[in-house]
C-alpha cells in the first residue's frame, strides 16, 4: 500500500472517530442544556471526511435525525466521499 493511501486511511479513521464522538458530545450537551457544537461544524465534519461517523453518530445517539438539512446533506457527503474513494482507487496504482 502506497504512502498516500496509508495517510488517507489514517485520516479517514481519525476524522470519522472524531465526528462520531462530536455527535455524541453534542447530544449529551443538548440533554444537559449546555453550549452546543454548531450545526455547521457537525455537517462540515461529514464533508471533511467524517462521512461514516456522522450518520453512525446520528443513528447511535438519535441526534439531528429529524433536521432536514442533516437528512439531505449527510447523505450527500457520503455519496461524494464514496465517489472520491473510488476515483482514488482507480487512479492510484
Foldseek 3Di string as FASTA:
>chain_A
DDPVVVVVVVVLVVLLVVLLVLLVVQLVCVVVVHDHDDPVVSLVSLLVRNLPSSVVSCVVSVGCPPPVCCVPSSVVSVVVVVVVVVVCVVPPD
